[in-house]
Amino acid sequence: MVQLNETLLEVLDQRATATGRSRSDLIREAIEQYYKEDFEAALDRAMVEGYTRIPDDDELDGLAEASLRILNADDPW
């Protein structure tokens, strides 16, 4: 059970009516969006931390690219 003040309930009902969806569906979507934003922010922080800890290395990037070219040389694509 979720308790909402009158303003939030009114906004929710207006959106539900306008979109032909239920309150529950709209609340579920909002929570999913909230979770998605949190997950993406955590992923961004992890990537920044990883690149801070182990910065790009042009020499290693070149070696990795050369290795991939050798491994994929026989592939038709």
PDB file of N, CA and C in Angstrom:
ATOM      1  N   MET A   1       0.840  -1.168   0.000  1.00  0.00           N
ATOM      2  CA  MET A   1       0.000   0.000   0.000  1.00  0.00           C
ATOM      3  C   MET A   1       0.891   1.239   0.000  1.00  0.00           C
ATOM      4  N   VAL A   2       0.540   2.191  -0.805  1.00  0.00           N
ATOM      5  CA  VAL A   2       1.297   3.427  -0.918  1.00  0.00           C
ATOM      6  C   VAL A   2       0.375   4.581  -0.563  1.00  0.00           C
ATOM      7  N   GLN A   3       0.851   5.452   0.312  1.00  0.00           N
ATOM      8  CA  GLN A   3       0.058   6.619   0.665  1.00  0.00           C
ATOM      9  C   GLN A   3       0.571   7.828  -0.106  1.00  0.00           C
ATOM     10  N   LEU A   4      -0.349   8.533  -0.752  1.00  0.00           N
ATOM     11  CA  LEU A   4      -0.008   9.708  -1.546  1.00  0.00           C
ATOM     12  C   LEU A   4      -0.828  10.886  -1.059  1.00  0.00           C
ATOM     13  N   ASN A   5      -0.224  12.082  -1.124  1.00  0.00           N
ATOM     14  CA  ASN A   5      -1.010  13.264  -0.766  1.00  0.00           C
ATOM     15  C   ASN A   5      -1.977  13.574  -1.909  1.00  0.00           C
ATOM     16  N   GLU A   6      -2.885  14.481  -1.670  1.00  0.00           N
ATOM     17  CA  GLU A   6      -3.929  14.796  -2.644  1.00  0.00           C
ATOM     18  C   GLU A   6      -3.362  15.273  -3.982  1.00  0.00           C
ATOM     19  N   THR A   7      -2.317  16.078  -3.929  1.00  0.00           N
ATOM     20  CA  THR A   7      -1.719  16.604  -5.166  1.00  0.00           C
ATOM     21  C   THR A   7      -1.147  15.474  -6.014  1.00  0.00           C
ATOM     22  N   LEU A   8      -0.378  14.588  -5.391  1.00  0.00           N
ATOM     23  CA  LEU A   8       0.201  13.478  -6.141  1.00  0.00           C
ATOM     24  C   LEU A   8      -0.881  12.552  -6.682  1.00  0.00           C
ATOM     25  N   LEU A   9      -1.887  12.304  -5.898  1.00  0.00           N
ATOM     26  CA  LEU A   9      -2.985  11.446  -6.338  1.00  0.00           C
ATOM     27  C   LEU A   9      -3.717  12.066  -7.526  1.00  0.00           C
ATOM     28  N   GLU A  10      -3.921  13.373  -7.485  1.00  0.00           N
ATOM     29  CA  GLU A  10      -4.579  14.072  -8.591  1.00  0.00           C
ATOM     30  C   GLU A  10      -3.741  13.991  -9.867  1.00  0.00           C
ATOM     31  N   VAL A  11      -2.445  14.233  -9.725  1.00  0.00           N
ATOM     32  CA  VAL A  11      -1.547  14.155 -10.892  1.00  0.00           C
ATOM     33  C   VAL A  11      -1.542  12.738 -11.454  1.00  0.00           C
ATOM     34  N   LEU A  12      -1.473  11.764 -10.580  1.00  0.00           N
ATOM     35  CA  LEU A  12      -1.475  10.365 -10.998  1.00  0.00           C
ATOM     36  C   LEU A  12      -2.772  10.012 -11.723  1.00  0.00           C
ATOM     37  N   ASP A  13      -3.898  10.422 -11.171  1.00  0.00           N
ATOM     38  CA  ASP A  13      -5.186  10.137 -11.803  1.00  0.00           C
ATOM     39  C   ASP A  13      -5.320  10.827 -13.159  1.00  0.00           C
ATOM     40  N   GLN A  14      -4.838  12.053 -13.265  1.00  0.00           N
ATOM     41  CA  GLN A  14      -4.890  12.756 -14.555  1.00  0.00           C
ATOM     42  C   GLN A  14      -4.062  12.011 -15.600  1.00  0.00           C
ATOM     43  N   ARG A  15      -2.888  11.577 -15.197  1.00  0.00           N
ATOM     44  CA  ARG A  15      -2.021  10.848 -16.136  1.00  0.00           C
ATOM     45  C   ARG A  15      -2.633   9.507 -16.512  1.00  0.00           C
ATOM     46  N   ALA A  16      -3.215   8.835 -15.533  1.00  0.00           N
ATOM     47  CA  ALA A  16      -3.851   7.547 -15.807  1.00  0.00           C
ATOM     48  C   ALA A  16      -4.996   7.714 -16.806  1.00  0.00           C
ATOM     49  N   THR A  17      -5.804   8.728 -16.603  1.00  0.00           N
ATOM     50  CA  THR A  17      -6.923   8.992 -17.511  1.00  0.00           C
ATOM     51  C   THR A  17      -6.423   9.350 -18.904  1.00  0.00           C
ATOM     52  N   ALA A  18      -5.421  10.207 -18.970  1.00  0.00           N
ATOM     53  CA  ALA A  18      -4.900  10.668 -20.259  1.00  0.00           C
ATOM     54  C   ALA A  18      -4.251   9.537 -21.060  1.00  0.00           C
ATOM     55  N   THR A  19      -3.649   8.583 -20.359  1.00  0.00           N
ATOM     56  CA  THR A  19      -2.931   7.504 -21.058  1.00  0.00           C
ATOM     57  C   THR A  19      -3.704   6.196 -21.109  1.00  0.00           C
ATOM     58  N   GLY A  20      -4.845   6.146 -20.413  1.00  0.00           N
ATOM     59  CA  GLY A  20      -5.635   4.917 -20.413  1.00  0.00           C
ATOM     60  C   GLY A  20      -4.971   3.789 -19.639  1.00  0.00           C
ATOM     61  N   ARG A  21      -4.198   4.143 -18.636  1.00  0.00           N
ATOM     62  CA  ARG A  21      -3.488   3.142 -17.840  1.00  0.00           C
ATOM     63  C   ARG A  21      -3.964   3.218 -16.393  1.00  0.00           C
ATOM     64  N   SER A  22      -3.620   2.205 -15.637  1.00  0.00           N
ATOM     65  CA  SER A  22      -4.022   2.181 -14.236  1.00  0.00           C
ATOM     66  C   SER A  22      -2.999   2.921 -13.374  1.00  0.00           C
ATOM     67  N   ARG A  23      -3.433   3.284 -12.180  1.00  0.00           N
ATOM     68  CA  ARG A  23      -2.507   3.889 -11.212  1.00  0.00           C
ATOM     69  C   ARG A  23      -1.333   2.944 -10.946  1.00  0.00           C
ATOM     70  N   SER A  24      -1.665   1.677 -10.723  1.00  0.00           N
ATOM     71  CA  SER A  24      -0.626   0.693 -10.417  1.00  0.00           C
ATOM     72  C   SER A  24       0.421   0.616 -11.521  1.00  0.00           C
ATOM     73  N   ASP A  25      -0.047   0.632 -12.767  1.00  0.00           N
ATOM     74  CA  ASP A  25       0.870   0.567 -13.901  1.00  0.00           C
ATOM     75  C   ASP A  25       1.795   1.777 -13.932  1.00  0.00           C
ATOM     76  N   LEU A  26       1.241   2.954 -13.677  1.00  0.00           N
ATOM     77  CA  LEU A  26       2.052   4.173 -13.677  1.00  0.00           C
ATOM     78  C   LEU A  26       3.054   4.182 -12.520  1.00  0.00           C
ATOM     79  N   ILE A  27       2.633   3.729 -11.358  1.00  0.00           N
ATOM     80  CA  ILE A  27       3.545   3.671 -10.204  1.00  0.00           C
ATOM     81  C   ILE A  27       4.652   2.668 -10.460  1.00  0.00           C
ATOM     82  N   ARG A  28       4.288   1.500 -11.026  1.00  0.00           N
ATOM     83  CA  ARG A  28       5.285   0.485 -11.350  1.00  0.00           C
ATOM     84  C   ARG A  28       6.314   1.034 -12.343  1.00  0.00           C
ATOM     85  N   GLU A  29       5.829   1.745 -13.372  1.00  0.00           N
ATOM     86  CA  GLU A  29       6.726   2.330 -14.371  1.00  0.00           C
ATOM     87  C   GLU A  29       7.670   3.362 -13.729  1.00  0.00           C
ATOM     88  N   ALA A  30       7.139   4.168 -12.820  1.00  0.00           N
ATOM     89  CA  ALA A  30       7.963   5.183 -12.157  1.00  0.00           C
ATOM     90  C   ALA A  30       9.059   4.528 -11.319  1.00  0.00           C
ATOM     91  N   ILE A  31       8.719   3.461 -10.617  1.00  0.00           N
ATOM     92  CA  ILE A  31       9.717   2.758  -9.806  1.00  0.00           C
ATOM     93  C   ILE A  31      10.767   2.110 -10.699  1.00  0.00           C
ATOM     94  N   GLU A  32      10.328   1.505 -11.808  1.00  0.00           N
ATOM     95  CA  GLU A  32      11.279   0.905 -12.753  1.00  0.00           C
ATOM     96  C   GLU A  32      12.227   1.963 -13.313  1.00  0.00           C
ATOM     97  N   GLN A  33      11.705   3.135 -13.636  1.00  0.00           N
ATOM     98  CA  GLN A  33      12.537   4.222 -14.155  1.00  0.00           C
ATOM     99  C   GLN A  33      13.534   4.682 -13.094  1.00  0.00           C
ATOM    100  N   TYR A  34      13.076   4.784 -11.867  1.00  0.00           N
ATOM    101  CA  TYR A  34      13.941   5.167 -10.747  1.00  0.00           C
ATOM    102  C   TYR A  34      15.073   4.151 -10.590  1.00  0.00           C
ATOM    103  N   TYR A  35      14.731   2.871 -10.646  1.00  0.00           N
ATOM    104  CA  TYR A  35      15.730   1.806 -10.533  1.00  0.00           C
ATOM    105  C   TYR A  35      16.713   1.879 -11.696  1.00  0.00           C
ATOM    106  N   LYS A  36      16.194   2.070 -12.911  1.00  0.00           N
ATOM    107  CA  LYS A  36      17.047   2.141 -14.100  1.00  0.00           C
ATOM    108  C   LYS A  36      18.047   3.294 -13.987  1.00  0.00           C
ATOM    109  N   GLU A  37      17.577   4.452 -13.536  1.00  0.00           N
ATOM    110  CA  GLU A  37      18.462   5.606 -13.384  1.00  0.00           C
ATOM    111  C   GLU A  37      19.544   5.337 -12.336  1.00  0.00           C
ATOM    112  N   ASP A  38      19.164   4.699 -11.229  1.00  0.00           N
ATOM    113  CA  ASP A  38      20.145   4.341 -10.196  1.00  0.00           C
ATOM    114  C   ASP A  38      21.170   3.353 -10.733  1.00  0.00           C
ATOM    115  N   PHE A  39      20.695   2.353 -11.470  1.00  0.00           N
ATOM    116  CA  PHE A  39      21.587   1.341 -12.035  1.00  0.00           C
ATOM    117  C   PHE A  39      22.565   1.971 -13.022  1.00  0.00           C
ATOM    118  N   GLU A  40      22.056   2.824 -13.908  1.00  0.00           N
ATOM    119  CA  GLU A  40      22.919   3.473 -14.895  1.00  0.00           C
ATOM    120  C   GLU A  40      23.932   4.395 -14.223  1.00  0.00           C
ATOM    121  N   ALA A  41      23.530   5.093 -13.169  1.00  0.00           N
ATOM    122  CA  ALA A  41      24.462   5.961 -12.438  1.00  0.00           C
ATOM    123  C   ALA A  41      25.552   5.126 -11.770  1.00  0.00           C
ATOM    124  N   ALA A  42      25.183   3.984 -11.199  1.00  0.00           N
ATOM    125  CA  ALA A  42      26.172   3.102 -10.574  1.00  0.00           C
ATOM    126  C   ALA A  42      27.129   2.549 -11.614  1.00  0.00           C
ATOM    127  N   LEU A  43      26.615   2.203 -12.774  1.00  0.00           N
ATOM    128  CA  LEU A  43      27.460   1.710 -13.856  1.00  0.00           C
ATOM    129  C   LEU A  43      28.431   2.786 -14.322  1.00  0.00           C
ATOM    130  N   ASP A  44      27.946   4.011 -14.465  1.00  0.00           N
ATOM    131  CA  ASP A  44      28.815   5.131 -14.844  1.00  0.00           C
ATOM    132  C   ASP A  44      29.923   5.339 -13.814  1.00  0.00           C
ATOM    133  N   ARG A  45      29.552   5.290 -12.526  1.00  0.00           N
ATOM    134  CA  ARG A  45      30.560   5.468 -11.473  1.00  0.00           C
ATOM    135  C   ARG A  45      31.604   4.351 -11.519  1.00  0.00           C
ATOM    136  N   ALA A  46      31.156   3.130 -11.770  1.00  0.00           N
ATOM    137  CA  ALA A  46      32.081   1.993 -11.843  1.00  0.00           C
ATOM    138  C   ALA A  46      33.029   2.144 -13.025  1.00  0.00           C
ATOM    139  N   MET A  47      32.519   2.625 -14.147  1.00  0.00           N
ATOM    140  CA  MET A  47      33.378   2.819 -15.323  1.00  0.00           C
ATOM    141  C   MET A  47      34.416   3.908 -15.069  1.00  0.00           C
ATOM    142  N   VAL A  48      33.988   5.002 -14.476  1.00  0.00           N
ATOM    143  CA  VAL A  48      34.922   6.086 -14.160  1.00  0.00           C
ATOM    144  C   VAL A  48      35.979   5.587 -13.187  1.00  0.00           C
ATOM    145  N   GLU A  49      35.555   4.853 -12.170  1.00  0.00           N
ATOM    146  CA  GLU A  49      36.504   4.327 -11.188  1.00  0.00           C
ATOM    147  C   GLU A  49      37.491   3.372 -11.847  1.00  0.00           C
ATOM    148  N   GLY A  50      36.997   2.542 -12.760  1.00  0.00           N
ATOM    149  CA  GLY A  50      37.874   1.601 -13.457  1.00  0.00           C
ATOM    150  C   GLY A  50      38.909   2.301 -14.320  1.00  0.00           C
ATOM    151  N   TYR A  51      38.468   3.298 -15.078  1.00  0.00           N
ATOM    152  CA  TYR A  51      39.410   4.038 -15.922  1.00  0.00           C
ATOM    153  C   TYR A  51      40.354   4.906 -15.086  1.00  0.00           C
ATOM    154  N   THR A  52      39.918   5.313 -13.903  1.00  0.00           N
ATOM    155  CA  THR A  52      40.799   6.073 -13.016  1.00  0.00           C
ATOM    156  C   THR A  52      41.874   5.158 -12.447  1.00  0.00           C
ATOM    157  N   ARG A  53      41.444   3.950 -12.075  1.00  0.00           N
ATOM    158  CA  ARG A  53      42.367   2.977 -11.495  1.00  0.00           C
ATOM    159  C   ARG A  53      43.346   2.443 -12.557  1.00  0.00           C
ATOM    160  N   ILE A  54      42.807   2.139 -13.742  1.00  0.00           N
ATOM    161  CA  ILE A  54      43.630   1.603 -14.838  1.00  0.00           C
ATOM    162  C   ILE A  54      43.342   2.436 -16.079  1.00  0.00           C
ATOM    163  N   PRO A  55      44.109   3.516 -16.276  1.00  0.00           N
ATOM    164  CA  PRO A  55      43.848   4.402 -17.414  1.00  0.00           C
ATOM    165  C   PRO A  55      44.097   3.716 -18.759  1.00  0.00           C
ATOM    166  N   ASP A  56      43.525   4.301 -19.808  1.00  0.00           N
ATOM    167  CA  ASP A  56      43.772   3.809 -21.162  1.00  0.00           C
ATOM    168  C   ASP A  56      45.268   3.776 -21.436  1.00  0.00           C
ATOM    169  N   ASP A  57      45.679   2.793 -22.190  1.00  0.00           N
ATOM    170  CA  ASP A  57      47.086   2.654 -22.566  1.00  0.00           C
ATOM    171  C   ASP A  57      47.120   2.447 -24.077  1.00  0.00           C
ATOM    172  N   ASP A  58      47.571   3.453 -24.811  1.00  0.00           N
ATOM    173  CA  ASP A  58      47.555   3.391 -26.268  1.00  0.00           C
ATOM    174  C   ASP A  58      48.343   2.202 -26.796  1.00  0.00           C
ATOM    175  N   GLU A  59      49.456   1.873 -26.148  1.00  0.00           N
ATOM    176  CA  GLU A  59      50.263   0.736 -26.605  1.00  0.00           C
ATOM    177  C   GLU A  59      49.488  -0.565 -26.454  1.00  0.00           C
ATOM    178  N   LEU A  60      48.845  -0.753 -25.292  1.00  0.00           N
ATOM    179  CA  LEU A  60      48.062  -1.969 -25.084  1.00  0.00           C
ATOM    180  C   LEU A  60      46.859  -2.006 -26.012  1.00  0.00           C
ATOM    181  N   ASP A  61      46.242  -0.853 -26.267  1.00  0.00           N
ATOM    182  CA  ASP A  61      45.111  -0.800 -27.192  1.00  0.00           C
ATOM    183  C   ASP A  61      45.551  -1.252 -28.581  1.00  0.00           C
ATOM    184  N   GLY A  62      46.716  -0.817 -29.014  1.00  0.00           N
ATOM    185  CA  GLY A  62      47.238  -1.216 -30.318  1.00  0.00           C
ATOM    186  C   GLY A  62      47.517  -2.701 -30.383  1.00  0.00           C
ATOM    187  N   LEU A  63      48.079  -3.246 -29.315  1.00  0.00           N
ATOM    188  CA  LEU A  63      48.343  -4.689 -29.275  1.00  0.00           C
ATOM    189  C   LEU A  63      47.029  -5.474 -29.295  1.00  0.00           C
ATOM    190  N   ALA A  64      46.044  -5.017 -28.571  1.00  0.00           N
ATOM    191  CA  ALA A  64      44.747  -5.686 -28.546  1.00  0.00           C
ATOM    192  C   ALA A  64      44.104  -5.655 -29.928  1.00  0.00           C
ATOM    193  N   GLU A  65      44.171  -4.505 -30.596  1.00  0.00           N
ATOM    194  CA  GLU A  65      43.593  -4.396 -31.937  1.00  0.00           C
ATOM    195  C   GLU A  65      44.314  -5.320 -32.913  1.00  0.00           C
ATOM    196  N   ALA A  66      45.636  -5.365 -32.845  1.00  0.00           N
ATOM    197  CA  ALA A  66      46.407  -6.254 -33.732  1.00  0.00           C
ATOM    198  C   ALA A  66      46.036  -7.710 -33.477  1.00  0.00           C
ATOM    199  N   SER A  67      45.883  -8.078 -32.219  1.00  0.00           N
ATOM    200  CA  SER A  67      45.504  -9.454 -31.878  1.00  0.00           C
ATOM    201  C   SER A  67      44.144  -9.799 -32.446  1.00  0.00           C
ATOM    202  N   LEU A  68      43.198  -8.876 -32.341  1.00  0.00           N
ATOM    203  CA  LEU A  68      41.864  -9.125 -32.878  1.00  0.00           C
ATOM    204  C   LEU A  68      41.889  -9.256 -34.394  1.00  0.00           C
ATOM    205  N   ARG A  69      42.694  -8.448 -35.039  1.00  0.00           N
ATOM    206  CA  ARG A  69      42.800  -8.551 -36.504  1.00  0.00           C
ATOM    207  C   ARG A  69      43.335  -9.921 -36.909  1.00  0.00           C
ATOM    208  N   ILE A  70      44.322 -10.419 -36.190  1.00  0.00           N
ATOM    209  CA  ILE A  70      44.875 -11.752 -36.490  1.00  0.00           C
ATOM    210  C   ILE A  70      43.820 -12.826 -36.239  1.00  0.00           C
ATOM    211  N   LEU A  71      43.134 -12.753 -35.119  1.00  0.00           N
ATOM    212  CA  LEU A  71      42.119 -13.749 -34.783  1.00  0.00           C
ATOM    213  C   LEU A  71      40.957 -13.747 -35.767  1.00  0.00           C
ATOM    214  N   ASN A  72      40.606 -12.579 -36.286  1.00  0.00           N
ATOM    215  CA  ASN A  72      39.459 -12.449 -37.180  1.00  0.00           C
ATOM    216  C   ASN A  72      39.835 -12.458 -38.662  1.00  0.00           C
ATOM    217  N   ALA A  73      41.077 -12.710 -38.972  1.00  0.00           N
ATOM    218  CA  ALA A  73      41.537 -12.631 -40.360  1.00  0.00           C
ATOM    219  C   ALA A  73      40.794 -13.600 -41.277  1.00  0.00           C
ATOM    220  N   ASP A  74      40.409 -14.745 -40.770  1.00  0.00           N
ATOM    221  CA  ASP A  74      39.737 -15.754 -41.596  1.00  0.00           C
ATOM    222  C   ASP A  74      38.218 -15.584 -41.647  1.00  0.00           C
ATOM    223  N   ASP A  75      37.667 -14.718 -40.825  1.00  0.00           N
ATOM    224  CA  ASP A  75      36.222 -14.514 -40.828  1.00  0.00           C
ATOM    225  C   ASP A  75      35.822 -13.685 -42.033  1.00  0.00           C
ATOM    226  N   PRO A  76      34.721 -14.051 -42.698  1.00  0.00           N
ATOM    227  CA  PRO A  76      34.304 -13.332 -43.905  1.00  0.00           C
ATOM    228  C   PRO A  76      33.771 -11.932 -43.660  1.00  0.00           C
ATOM    229  N   TRP A  77      33.445 -11.577 -42.460  1.00  0.00           N
ATOM    230  CA  TRP A  77      32.882 -10.267 -42.185  1.00  0.00           C
ATOM    231  C   TRP A  77      33.965  -9.353 -41.791  1.00  0.00           C
TER     232      TRP A  77
END
